[in-house]
């Protein structure tokens, strides 16, 4: 007497997987391709536009946060120039506009003192 752990019907055959658009893997691949080609570049353009508007809005007296997490007040910022000067406590830094990641607000007391 022989026992088998897996019972198989020798007459039954497996159904072949559909090829082309009916295959679930194909549908998922098309969905991922759509996300990569259409949706992600749209999000990147929106973020880039918002960041450019932020850098353009940096004016003298604005309280900013840099990518190095330095919080300071803009002392000097000229339109058309890429560098700005910020003051944080007793230190002054000359940084690129692109280093600013957030404008917190304005420091009215610092603007009035200058």
PDB file of N, CA and C in Angstrom:
ATOM      1  N   UNK A   1       0.823  -1.169   0.000  1.00  0.00           N
ATOM      2  CA  UNK A   1       0.000   0.000   0.000  1.00  0.00           C
ATOM      3  C   UNK A   1       0.878   1.247   0.000  1.00  0.00           C
ATOM      4  N   UNK A   2       0.635   2.139  -0.946  1.00  0.00           N
ATOM      5  CA  UNK A   2       1.400   3.375  -0.984  1.00  0.00           C
ATOM      6  C   UNK A   2       0.473   4.547  -0.687  1.00  0.00           C
ATOM      7  N   UNK A   3       1.003   5.457   0.113  1.00  0.00           N
ATOM      8  CA  UNK A   3       0.242   6.652   0.477  1.00  0.00           C
ATOM      9  C   UNK A   3       0.919   7.877  -0.116  1.00  0.00           C
ATOM     10  N   UNK A   4       0.086   8.778  -0.550  1.00  0.00           N
ATOM     11  CA  UNK A   4       0.607  10.011  -1.114  1.00  0.00           C
ATOM     12  C   UNK A   4       0.128  11.184  -0.252  1.00  0.00           C
ATOM     13  N   UNK A   5       1.042  12.116   0.039  1.00  0.00           N
ATOM     14  CA  UNK A   5       0.662  13.275   0.842  1.00  0.00           C
ATOM     15  C   UNK A   5      -0.148  14.295   0.039  1.00  0.00           C
ATOM     16  N   UNK A   6       0.095  14.351  -1.235  1.00  0.00           N
ATOM     17  CA  UNK A   6      -0.614  15.302  -2.079  1.00  0.00           C
ATOM     18  C   UNK A   6      -1.430  14.505  -3.082  1.00  0.00           C
ATOM     19  N   UNK A   7      -2.713  14.735  -3.014  1.00  0.00           N
ATOM     20  CA  UNK A   7      -3.589  14.020  -3.944  1.00  0.00           C
ATOM     21  C   UNK A   7      -3.699  14.826  -5.227  1.00  0.00           C
ATOM     22  N   UNK A   8      -3.446  14.184  -6.337  1.00  0.00           N
ATOM     23  CA  UNK A   8      -3.547  14.847  -7.623  1.00  0.00           C
ATOM     24  C   UNK A   8      -4.423  14.027  -8.541  1.00  0.00           C
ATOM     25  N   UNK A   9      -5.227  14.751  -9.284  1.00  0.00           N
ATOM     26  CA  UNK A   9      -6.054  14.090 -10.286  1.00  0.00           C
ATOM     27  C   UNK A   9      -5.292  14.151 -11.599  1.00  0.00           C
ATOM     28  N   UNK A  10      -4.850  13.032 -12.110  1.00  0.00           N
ATOM     29  CA  UNK A  10      -4.042  13.056 -13.320  1.00  0.00           C
ATOM     30  C   UNK A  10      -4.813  13.588 -14.531  1.00  0.00           C
ATOM     31  N   UNK A  11      -6.131  13.545 -14.515  1.00  0.00           N
ATOM     32  CA  UNK A  11      -6.899  13.998 -15.668  1.00  0.00           C
ATOM     33  C   UNK A  11      -7.150  15.506 -15.643  1.00  0.00           C
ATOM     34  N   UNK A  12      -7.020  16.159 -14.490  1.00  0.00           N
ATOM     35  CA  UNK A  12      -7.311  17.597 -14.393  1.00  0.00           C
ATOM     36  C   UNK A  12      -6.112  18.412 -14.850  1.00  0.00           C
ATOM     37  N   UNK A  13      -6.369  19.455 -15.591  1.00  0.00           N
ATOM     38  CA  UNK A  13      -5.310  20.333 -16.048  1.00  0.00           C
ATOM     39  C   UNK A  13      -5.587  21.741 -15.533  1.00  0.00           C
ATOM     40  N   UNK A  14      -4.505  22.494 -15.299  1.00  0.00           N
ATOM     41  CA  UNK A  14      -4.661  23.864 -14.813  1.00  0.00           C
ATOM     42  C   UNK A  14      -5.064  24.769 -15.959  1.00  0.00           C
ATOM     43  N   UNK A  15      -5.855  25.791 -15.594  1.00  0.00           N
ATOM     44  CA  UNK A  15      -6.245  26.795 -16.583  1.00  0.00           C
ATOM     45  C   UNK A  15      -5.067  27.733 -16.802  1.00  0.00           C
ATOM     46  N   UNK A  16      -4.732  28.050 -18.041  1.00  0.00           N
ATOM     47  CA  UNK A  16      -3.612  28.973 -18.280  1.00  0.00           C
ATOM     48  C   UNK A  16      -3.982  30.393 -17.866  1.00  0.00           C
ATOM     49  N   UNK A  17      -2.975  31.137 -17.391  1.00  0.00           N
ATOM     50  CA  UNK A  17      -3.190  32.541 -17.023  1.00  0.00           C
ATOM     51  C   UNK A  17      -3.444  33.351 -18.290  1.00  0.00           C
ATOM     52  N   UNK A  18      -4.395  34.267 -18.221  1.00  0.00           N
ATOM     53  CA  UNK A  18      -4.642  35.084 -19.411  1.00  0.00           C
ATOM     54  C   UNK A  18      -3.466  36.024 -19.672  1.00  0.00           C
ATOM     55  N   UNK A  19      -3.179  36.248 -20.902  1.00  0.00           N
ATOM     56  CA  UNK A  19      -2.104  37.142 -21.294  1.00  0.00           C
ATOM     57  C   UNK A  19      -2.691  38.479 -21.733  1.00  0.00           C
ATOM     58  N   UNK A  20      -1.884  39.514 -21.646  1.00  0.00           N
ATOM     59  CA  UNK A  20      -2.327  40.821 -22.134  1.00  0.00           C
ATOM     60  C   UNK A  20      -3.143  41.582 -21.110  1.00  0.00           C
ATOM     61  N   UNK A  21      -4.113  42.374 -21.567  1.00  0.00           N
ATOM     62  CA  UNK A  21      -4.850  43.282 -20.682  1.00  0.00           C
ATOM     63  C   UNK A  21      -5.688  42.597 -19.605  1.00  0.00           C
ATOM     64  N   UNK A  22      -6.011  41.329 -19.739  1.00  0.00           N
ATOM     65  CA  UNK A  22      -6.824  40.652 -18.739  1.00  0.00           C
ATOM     66  C   UNK A  22      -6.003  40.166 -17.546  1.00  0.00           C
ATOM     67  N   UNK A  23      -4.709  40.192 -17.642  1.00  0.00           N
ATOM     68  CA  UNK A  23      -3.829  39.728 -16.575  1.00  0.00           C
ATOM     69  C   UNK A  23      -3.774  40.775 -15.458  1.00  0.00           C
ATOM     70  N   UNK A  24      -4.015  40.395 -14.200  1.00  0.00           N
ATOM     71  CA  UNK A  24      -3.980  41.371 -13.094  1.00  0.00           C
ATOM     72  C   UNK A  24      -2.607  42.024 -12.909  1.00  0.00           C
ATOM     73  N   UNK A  25      -1.547  41.320 -13.198  1.00  0.00           N
ATOM     74  CA  UNK A  25      -0.204  41.896 -13.079  1.00  0.00           C
ATOM     75  C   UNK A  25      -0.024  42.997 -14.119  1.00  0.00           C
ATOM     76  N   UNK A  26      -0.543  42.791 -15.304  1.00  0.00           N
ATOM     77  CA  UNK A  26      -0.475  43.795 -16.367  1.00  0.00           C
ATOM     78  C   UNK A  26      -1.234  45.059 -15.960  1.00  0.00           C
ATOM     79  N   UNK A  27      -2.397  44.893 -15.371  1.00  0.00           N
ATOM     80  CA  UNK A  27      -3.209  46.039 -14.931  1.00  0.00           C
ATOM     81  C   UNK A  27      -2.482  46.820 -13.839  1.00  0.00           C
ATOM     82  N   UNK A  28      -1.854  46.126 -12.885  1.00  0.00           N
ATOM     83  CA  UNK A  28      -1.103  46.813 -11.827  1.00  0.00           C
ATOM     84  C   UNK A  28       0.102  47.539 -12.416  1.00  0.00           C
ATOM     85  N   UNK A  29       0.772  46.942 -13.371  1.00  0.00           N
ATOM     86  CA  UNK A  29       1.930  47.584 -13.996  1.00  0.00           C
ATOM     87  C   UNK A  29       1.517  48.861 -14.723  1.00  0.00           C
ATOM     88  N   UNK A  30       0.388  48.852 -15.404  1.00  0.00           N
ATOM     89  CA  UNK A  30      -0.115  50.048 -16.084  1.00  0.00           C
ATOM     90  C   UNK A  30      -0.452  51.128 -15.055  1.00  0.00           C
ATOM     91  N   UNK A  31      -1.037  50.751 -13.919  1.00  0.00           N
ATOM     92  CA  UNK A  31      -1.349  51.717 -12.863  1.00  0.00           C
ATOM     93  C   UNK A  31      -0.101  52.361 -12.290  1.00  0.00           C
ATOM     94  N   UNK A  32       0.918  51.586 -12.038  1.00  0.00           N
ATOM     95  CA  UNK A  32       2.175  52.114 -11.501  1.00  0.00           C
ATOM     96  C   UNK A  32       2.847  53.014 -12.533  1.00  0.00           C
ATOM     97  N   UNK A  33       2.821  52.615 -13.776  1.00  0.00           N
ATOM     98  CA  UNK A  33       3.393  53.434 -14.845  1.00  0.00           C
ATOM     99  C   UNK A  33       2.674  54.782 -14.942  1.00  0.00           C
ATOM    100  N   UNK A  34       1.359  54.783 -14.804  1.00  0.00           N
ATOM    101  CA  UNK A  34       0.582  56.026 -14.820  1.00  0.00           C
ATOM    102  C   UNK A  34       1.004  56.938 -13.673  1.00  0.00           C
ATOM    103  N   UNK A  35       1.170  56.373 -12.473  1.00  0.00           N
ATOM    104  CA  UNK A  35       1.589  57.181 -11.320  1.00  0.00           C
ATOM    105  C   UNK A  35       2.963  57.803 -11.552  1.00  0.00           C
ATOM    106  N   UNK A  36       3.887  57.021 -12.072  1.00  0.00           N
ATOM    107  CA  UNK A  36       5.251  57.509 -12.262  1.00  0.00           C
ATOM    108  C   UNK A  36       5.323  58.559 -13.363  1.00  0.00           C
ATOM    109  N   UNK A  37       4.600  58.353 -14.448  1.00  0.00           N
ATOM    110  CA  UNK A  37       4.717  59.237 -15.603  1.00  0.00           C
ATOM    111  C   UNK A  37       3.844  60.487 -15.485  1.00  0.00           C
ATOM    112  N   UNK A  38       2.651  60.382 -14.887  1.00  0.00           N
ATOM    113  CA  UNK A  38       1.709  61.503 -14.897  1.00  0.00           C
ATOM    114  C   UNK A  38       1.596  62.195 -13.543  1.00  0.00           C
ATOM    115  N   UNK A  39       1.335  61.466 -12.492  1.00  0.00           N
ATOM    116  CA  UNK A  39       0.999  62.073 -11.205  1.00  0.00           C
ATOM    117  C   UNK A  39       2.222  62.643 -10.493  1.00  0.00           C
ATOM    118  N   UNK A  40       3.321  61.908 -10.415  1.00  0.00           N
ATOM    119  CA  UNK A  40       4.486  62.383  -9.674  1.00  0.00           C
ATOM    120  C   UNK A  40       5.104  63.646 -10.261  1.00  0.00           C
ATOM    121  N   UNK A  41       5.260  63.773 -11.586  1.00  0.00           N
ATOM    122  CA  UNK A  41       5.787  65.049 -12.105  1.00  0.00           C
ATOM    123  C   UNK A  41       4.875  66.240 -11.810  1.00  0.00           C
ATOM    124  N   UNK A  42       3.560  66.028 -11.772  1.00  0.00           N
ATOM    125  CA  UNK A  42       2.641  67.124 -11.439  1.00  0.00           C
ATOM    126  C   UNK A  42       2.865  67.587 -10.008  1.00  0.00           C
ATOM    127  N   UNK A  43       3.063  66.650  -9.092  1.00  0.00           N
ATOM    128  CA  UNK A  43       3.306  67.018  -7.695  1.00  0.00           C
ATOM    129  C   UNK A  43       4.634  67.744  -7.566  1.00  0.00           C
ATOM    130  N   UNK A  44       5.664  67.293  -8.284  1.00  0.00           N
ATOM    131  CA  UNK A  44       6.976  67.937  -8.223  1.00  0.00           C
ATOM    132  C   UNK A  44       6.920  69.358  -8.754  1.00  0.00           C
ATOM    133  N   UNK A  45       6.172  69.585  -9.835  1.00  0.00           N
ATOM    134  CA  UNK A  45       6.048  70.939 -10.384  1.00  0.00           C
ATOM    135  C   UNK A  45       5.348  71.863  -9.405  1.00  0.00           C
ATOM    136  N   UNK A  46       4.336  71.362  -8.734  1.00  0.00           N
ATOM    137  CA  UNK A  46       3.592  72.182  -7.763  1.00  0.00           C
ATOM    138  C   UNK A  46       4.495  72.553  -6.590  1.00  0.00           C
ATOM    139  N   UNK A  47       5.238  71.596  -6.057  1.00  0.00           N
ATOM    140  CA  UNK A  47       6.144  71.870  -4.941  1.00  0.00           C
ATOM    141  C   UNK A  47       7.240  72.835  -5.357  1.00  0.00           C
ATOM    142  N   UNK A  48       7.754  72.688  -6.557  1.00  0.00           N
ATOM    143  CA  UNK A  48       8.814  73.562  -7.045  1.00  0.00           C
ATOM    144  C   UNK A  48       8.303  74.994  -7.186  1.00  0.00           C
ATOM    145  N   UNK A  49       7.086  75.157  -7.707  1.00  0.00           N
ATOM    146  CA  UNK A  49       6.484  76.479  -7.863  1.00  0.00           C
ATOM    147  C   UNK A  49       6.266  77.144  -6.502  1.00  0.00           C
ATOM    148  N   UNK A  50       5.777  76.379  -5.525  1.00  0.00           N
ATOM    149  CA  UNK A  50       5.563  76.926  -4.178  1.00  0.00           C
ATOM    150  C   UNK A  50       6.890  77.346  -3.545  1.00  0.00           C
ATOM    151  N   UNK A  51       7.940  76.562  -3.742  1.00  0.00           N
ATOM    152  CA  UNK A  51       9.249  76.883  -3.182  1.00  0.00           C
ATOM    153  C   UNK A  51       9.838  78.130  -3.840  1.00  0.00           C
ATOM    154  N   UNK A  52       9.654  78.271  -5.157  1.00  0.00           N
ATOM    155  CA  UNK A  52      10.132  79.473  -5.841  1.00  0.00           C
ATOM    156  C   UNK A  52       9.396  80.717  -5.346  1.00  0.00           C
ATOM    157  N   UNK A  53       8.083  80.591  -5.118  1.00  0.00           N
ATOM    158  CA  UNK A  53       7.317  81.723  -4.577  1.00  0.00           C
ATOM    159  C   UNK A  53       7.790  82.072  -3.168  1.00  0.00           C
ATOM    160  N   UNK A  54       8.133  81.052  -2.373  1.00  0.00           N
ATOM    161  CA  UNK A  54       8.640  81.291  -1.024  1.00  0.00           C
ATOM    162  C   UNK A  54       9.963  82.039  -1.073  1.00  0.00           C
ATOM    163  N   UNK A  55      10.872  81.616  -1.930  1.00  0.00           N
ATOM    164  CA  UNK A  55      12.182  82.268  -2.029  1.00  0.00           C
ATOM    165  C   UNK A  55      12.049  83.691  -2.558  1.00  0.00           C
ATOM    166  N   UNK A  56      11.106  83.924  -3.445  1.00  0.00           N
ATOM    167  CA  UNK A  56      10.896  85.275  -3.974  1.00  0.00           C
ATOM    168  C   UNK A  56      10.270  86.195  -2.927  1.00  0.00           C
ATOM    169  N   UNK A  57       9.550  85.629  -1.967  1.00  0.00           N
ATOM    170  CA  UNK A  57       8.863  86.457  -0.971  1.00  0.00           C
ATOM    171  C   UNK A  57       9.738  86.808   0.226  1.00  0.00           C
ATOM    172  N   UNK A  58      10.967  86.325   0.265  1.00  0.00           N
ATOM    173  CA  UNK A  58      11.862  86.642   1.380  1.00  0.00           C
ATOM    174  C   UNK A  58      12.273  88.113   1.280  1.00  0.00           C
ATOM    175  N   UNK A  59      11.867  88.887   2.274  1.00  0.00           N
ATOM    176  CA  UNK A  59      12.175  90.323   2.306  1.00  0.00           C
ATOM    177  C   UNK A  59      12.871  90.655   3.625  1.00  0.00           C
ATOM    178  N   UNK A  60      13.374  91.857   3.693  1.00  0.00           N
ATOM    179  CA  UNK A  60      14.037  92.322   4.911  1.00  0.00           C
ATOM    180  C   UNK A  60      13.023  92.346   6.053  1.00  0.00           C
ATOM    181  N   UNK A  61      13.420  91.811   7.195  1.00  0.00           N
ATOM    182  CA  UNK A  61      12.551  91.766   8.370  1.00  0.00           C
ATOM    183  C   UNK A  61      11.764  90.480   8.509  1.00  0.00           C
ATOM    184  N   UNK A  62      11.854  89.597   7.545  1.00  0.00           N
ATOM    185  CA  UNK A  62      11.127  88.327   7.618  1.00  0.00           C
ATOM    186  C   UNK A  62      11.872  87.359   8.525  1.00  0.00           C
ATOM    187  N   UNK A  63      11.125  86.647   9.337  1.00  0.00           N
ATOM    188  CA  UNK A  63      11.708  85.618  10.197  1.00  0.00           C
ATOM    189  C   UNK A  63      11.681  84.314   9.416  1.00  0.00           C
ATOM    190  N   UNK A  64      12.862  83.696   9.220  1.00  0.00           N
ATOM    191  CA  UNK A  64      12.977  82.514   8.369  1.00  0.00           C
ATOM    192  C   UNK A  64      13.635  81.359   9.106  1.00  0.00           C
ATOM    193  N   UNK A  65      13.408  80.163   8.562  1.00  0.00           N
ATOM    194  CA  UNK A  65      14.066  78.940   9.031  1.00  0.00           C
ATOM    195  C   UNK A  65      14.848  78.393   7.846  1.00  0.00           C
ATOM    196  N   UNK A  66      16.128  78.068   8.064  1.00  0.00           N
ATOM    197  CA  UNK A  66      16.957  77.534   6.988  1.00  0.00           C
ATOM    198  C   UNK A  66      16.937  76.013   7.017  1.00  0.00           C
ATOM    199  N   UNK A  67      17.531  75.399   5.994  1.00  0.00           N
ATOM    200  CA  UNK A  67      17.578  73.938   5.952  1.00  0.00           C
ATOM    201  C   UNK A  67      18.513  73.363   7.015  1.00  0.00           C
ATOM    202  N   UNK A  68      19.339  74.207   7.638  1.00  0.00           N
ATOM    203  CA  UNK A  68      20.175  73.773   8.757  1.00  0.00           C
ATOM    204  C   UNK A  68      19.470  74.019  10.087  1.00  0.00           C
ATOM    205  N   UNK A  69      18.178  74.369  10.033  1.00  0.00           N
ATOM    206  CA  UNK A  69      17.319  74.635  11.190  1.00  0.00           C
ATOM    207  C   UNK A  69      17.791  75.840  11.996  1.00  0.00           C
ATOM    208  N   UNK A  70      18.371  76.813  11.333  1.00  0.00           N
ATOM    209  CA  UNK A  70      18.742  78.072  11.969  1.00  0.00           C
ATOM    210  C   UNK A  70      17.572  79.031  11.788  1.00  0.00           C
ATOM    211  N   UNK A  71      17.105  79.586  12.885  1.00  0.00           N
ATOM    212  CA  UNK A  71      16.019  80.553  12.843  1.00  0.00           C
ATOM    213  C   UNK A  71      16.639  81.930  12.960  1.00  0.00           C
ATOM    214  N   UNK A  72      16.294  82.812  12.040  1.00  0.00           N
ATOM    215  CA  UNK A  72      16.870  84.146  12.066  1.00  0.00           C
ATOM    216  C   UNK A  72      15.981  85.142  11.358  1.00  0.00           C
ATOM    217  N   UNK A  73      16.396  86.400  11.425  1.00  0.00           N
ATOM    218  CA  UNK A  73      15.675  87.490  10.790  1.00  0.00           C
ATOM    219  C   UNK A  73      16.511  87.984   9.616  1.00  0.00           C
ATOM    220  N   UNK A  74      15.862  88.201   8.483  1.00  0.00           N
ATOM    221  CA  UNK A  74      16.560  88.664   7.291  1.00  0.00           C
ATOM    222  C   UNK A  74      16.973  90.113   7.494  1.00  0.00           C
ATOM    223  N   UNK A  75      18.268  90.387   7.384  1.00  0.00           N
ATOM    224  CA  UNK A  75      18.815  91.723   7.545  1.00  0.00           C
ATOM    225  C   UNK A  75      18.967  92.382   6.180  1.00  0.00           C
ATOM    226  N   UNK A  76      19.408  91.617   5.197  1.00  0.00           N
ATOM    227  CA  UNK A  76      19.643  92.163   3.873  1.00  0.00           C
ATOM    228  C   UNK A  76      19.193  91.159   2.827  1.00  0.00           C
ATOM    229  N   UNK A  77      18.315  91.627   1.943  1.00  0.00           N
ATOM    230  CA  UNK A  77      17.850  90.786   0.840  1.00  0.00           C
ATOM    231  C   UNK A  77      17.535  91.689  -0.338  1.00  0.00           C
ATOM    232  N   UNK A  78      18.312  91.567  -1.404  1.00  0.00           N
ATOM    233  CA  UNK A  78      18.091  92.372  -2.603  1.00  0.00           C
ATOM    234  C   UNK A  78      17.432  91.509  -3.664  1.00  0.00           C
ATOM    235  N   UNK A  79      16.476  92.107  -4.380  1.00  0.00           N
ATOM    236  CA  UNK A  79      15.820  91.390  -5.468  1.00  0.00           C
ATOM    237  C   UNK A  79      16.819  91.084  -6.565  1.00  0.00           C
ATOM    238  N   UNK A  80      16.744  89.880  -7.080  1.00  0.00           N
ATOM    239  CA  UNK A  80      17.637  89.482  -8.160  1.00  0.00           C
ATOM    240  C   UNK A  80      18.921  88.843  -7.684  1.00  0.00           C
ATOM    241  N   UNK A  81      19.253  88.974  -6.416  1.00  0.00           N
ATOM    242  CA  UNK A  81      20.467  88.337  -5.884  1.00  0.00           C
ATOM    243  C   UNK A  81      20.101  87.023  -5.221  1.00  0.00           C
ATOM    244  N   UNK A  82      21.053  86.101  -5.268  1.00  0.00           N
ATOM    245  CA  UNK A  82      20.815  84.769  -4.715  1.00  0.00           C
ATOM    246  C   UNK A  82      21.190  84.683  -3.238  1.00  0.00           C
ATOM    247  N   UNK A  83      21.948  85.655  -2.723  1.00  0.00           N
ATOM    248  CA  UNK A  83      22.385  85.610  -1.330  1.00  0.00           C
ATOM    249  C   UNK A  83      21.590  86.590  -0.480  1.00  0.00           C
ATOM    250  N   UNK A  84      21.333  86.161   0.758  1.00  0.00           N
ATOM    251  CA  UNK A  84      20.703  87.025   1.749  1.00  0.00           C
ATOM    252  C   UNK A  84      21.520  86.950   3.026  1.00  0.00           C
ATOM    253  N   UNK A  85      21.360  87.943   3.903  1.00  0.00           N
ATOM    254  CA  UNK A  85      22.049  87.955   5.194  1.00  0.00           C
ATOM    255  C   UNK A  85      20.978  87.842   6.267  1.00  0.00           C
ATOM    256  N   UNK A  86      21.171  86.876   7.173  1.00  0.00           N
ATOM    257  CA  UNK A  86      20.247  86.738   8.291  1.00  0.00           C
ATOM    258  C   UNK A  86      21.005  86.935   9.596  1.00  0.00           C
ATOM    259  N   UNK A  87      20.257  87.350  10.615  1.00  0.00           N
ATOM    260  CA  UNK A  87      20.830  87.543  11.935  1.00  0.00           C
ATOM    261  C   UNK A  87      20.107  86.610  12.892  1.00  0.00           C
ATOM    262  N   UNK A  88      20.905  85.861  13.642  1.00  0.00           N
ATOM    263  CA  UNK A  88      20.366  84.956  14.646  1.00  0.00           C
ATOM    264  C   UNK A  88      21.137  85.197  15.938  1.00  0.00           C
ATOM    265  N   UNK A  89      20.449  85.740  16.922  1.00  0.00           N
ATOM    266  CA  UNK A  89      21.075  86.152  18.186  1.00  0.00           C
ATOM    267  C   UNK A  89      22.192  87.139  17.893  1.00  0.00           C
ATOM    268  N   UNK A  90      23.445  86.800  18.179  1.00  0.00           N
ATOM    269  CA  UNK A  90      24.566  87.717  17.967  1.00  0.00           C
ATOM    270  C   UNK A  90      25.357  87.389  16.698  1.00  0.00           C
ATOM    271  N   UNK A  91      24.867  86.488  15.906  1.00  0.00           N
ATOM    272  CA  UNK A  91      25.600  86.054  14.705  1.00  0.00           C
ATOM    273  C   UNK A  91      24.882  86.499  13.444  1.00  0.00           C
ATOM    274  N   UNK A  92      25.673  86.757  12.415  1.00  0.00           N
ATOM    275  CA  UNK A  92      25.117  87.059  11.096  1.00  0.00           C
ATOM    276  C   UNK A  92      25.616  85.994  10.127  1.00  0.00           C
ATOM    277  N   UNK A  93      24.725  85.568   9.253  1.00  0.00           N
ATOM    278  CA  UNK A  93      25.053  84.541   8.272  1.00  0.00           C
ATOM    279  C   UNK A  93      24.705  85.046   6.885  1.00  0.00           C
ATOM    280  N   UNK A  94      25.558  84.753   5.937  1.00  0.00           N
ATOM    281  CA  UNK A  94      25.261  85.003   4.528  1.00  0.00           C
ATOM    282  C   UNK A  94      24.922  83.646   3.931  1.00  0.00           C
ATOM    283  N   UNK A  95      23.697  83.508   3.472  1.00  0.00           N
ATOM    284  CA  UNK A  95      23.223  82.221   2.955  1.00  0.00           C
ATOM    285  C   UNK A  95      22.575  82.416   1.594  1.00  0.00           C
ATOM    286  N   UNK A  96      22.357  81.330   0.903  1.00  0.00           N
ATOM    287  CA  UNK A  96      21.633  81.338  -0.364  1.00  0.00           C
ATOM    288  C   UNK A  96      20.135  81.366  -0.071  1.00  0.00           C
ATOM    289  N   UNK A  97      19.375  81.975  -0.974  1.00  0.00           N
ATOM    290  CA  UNK A  97      17.919  81.993  -0.811  1.00  0.00           C
ATOM    291  C   UNK A  97      17.356  80.576  -0.799  1.00  0.00           C
ATOM    292  N   UNK A  98      17.998  79.691  -1.536  1.00  0.00           N
ATOM    293  CA  UNK A  98      17.500  78.322  -1.616  1.00  0.00           C
ATOM    294  C   UNK A  98      17.636  77.568  -0.292  1.00  0.00           C
ATOM    295  N   UNK A  99      18.405  78.097   0.656  1.00  0.00           N
ATOM    296  CA  UNK A  99      18.544  77.447   1.966  1.00  0.00           C
ATOM    297  C   UNK A  99      17.345  77.727   2.856  1.00  0.00           C
ATOM    298  N   UNK A 100      16.524  78.707   2.505  1.00  0.00           N
ATOM    299  CA  UNK A 100      15.335  79.031   3.297  1.00  0.00           C
ATOM    300  C   UNK A 100      14.258  78.006   2.978  1.00  0.00           C
ATOM    301  N   UNK A 101      13.743  77.350   4.040  1.00  0.00           N
ATOM    302  CA  UNK A 101      12.692  76.358   3.822  1.00  0.00           C
ATOM    303  C   UNK A 101      11.345  76.816   4.352  1.00  0.00           C
ATOM    304  N   UNK A 102      11.348  77.858   5.194  1.00  0.00           N
ATOM    305  CA  UNK A 102      10.082  78.320   5.756  1.00  0.00           C
ATOM    306  C   UNK A 102      10.203  79.782   6.164  1.00  0.00           C
ATOM    307  N   UNK A 103       9.170  80.559   5.879  1.00  0.00           N
ATOM    308  CA  UNK A 103       9.078  81.927   6.373  1.00  0.00           C
ATOM    309  C   UNK A 103       8.071  81.886   7.514  1.00  0.00           C
ATOM    310  N   UNK A 104       8.550  82.183   8.731  1.00  0.00           N
ATOM    311  CA  UNK A 104       7.718  82.067   9.918  1.00  0.00           C
ATOM    312  C   UNK A 104       6.815  83.290  10.075  1.00  0.00           C
ATOM    313  N   UNK A 105       7.322  84.446   9.735  1.00  0.00           N
ATOM    314  CA  UNK A 105       6.554  85.679   9.868  1.00  0.00           C
ATOM    315  C   UNK A 105       7.493  86.850   9.741  1.00  0.00           C
ATOM    316  N   UNK A 106       7.111  87.968  10.345  1.00  0.00           N
ATOM    317  CA  UNK A 106       7.975  89.145  10.331  1.00  0.00           C
ATOM    318  C   UNK A 106       8.318  89.536  11.751  1.00  0.00           C
ATOM    319  N   UNK A 107       9.483  90.092  11.922  1.00  0.00           N
ATOM    320  CA  UNK A 107       9.918  90.570  13.225  1.00  0.00           C
ATOM    321  C   UNK A 107       9.864  92.086  13.173  1.00  0.00           C
ATOM    322  N   UNK A 108       8.773  92.677  13.676  1.00  0.00           N
ATOM    323  CA  UNK A 108       8.550  94.112  13.608  1.00  0.00           C
ATOM    324  C   UNK A 108       9.587  94.888  14.418  1.00  0.00           C
ATOM    325  N   UNK A 109      10.005  94.361  15.558  1.00  0.00           N
ATOM    326  CA  UNK A 109      10.971  95.071  16.402  1.00  0.00           C
ATOM    327  C   UNK A 109      12.326  95.157  15.703  1.00  0.00           C
ATOM    328  N   UNK A 110      12.719  94.099  15.003  1.00  0.00           N
ATOM    329  CA  UNK A 110      14.006  94.097  14.296  1.00  0.00           C
ATOM    330  C   UNK A 110      13.966  95.071  13.129  1.00  0.00           C
ATOM    331  N   UNK A 111      12.859  95.159  12.442  1.00  0.00           N
ATOM    332  CA  UNK A 111      12.731  96.079  11.306  1.00  0.00           C
ATOM    333  C   UNK A 111      12.748  97.514  11.777  1.00  0.00           C
ATOM    334  N   UNK A 112      12.109  97.817  12.891  1.00  0.00           N
ATOM    335  CA  UNK A 112      12.049  99.186  13.415  1.00  0.00           C
ATOM    336  C   UNK A 112      13.409  99.625  13.947  1.00  0.00           C
ATOM    337  N   UNK A 113      14.236  98.709  14.467  1.00  0.00           N
ATOM    338  CA  UNK A 113      15.537  99.061  15.038  1.00  0.00           C
ATOM    339  C   UNK A 113      16.536  99.436  13.945  1.00  0.00           C
ATOM    340  N   UNK A 114      16.357  98.945  12.748  1.00  0.00           N
ATOM    341  CA  UNK A 114      17.331  99.206  11.670  1.00  0.00           C
ATOM    342  C   UNK A 114      17.030 100.435  10.930  1.00  0.00           C
TER     343      UNK A 114
END
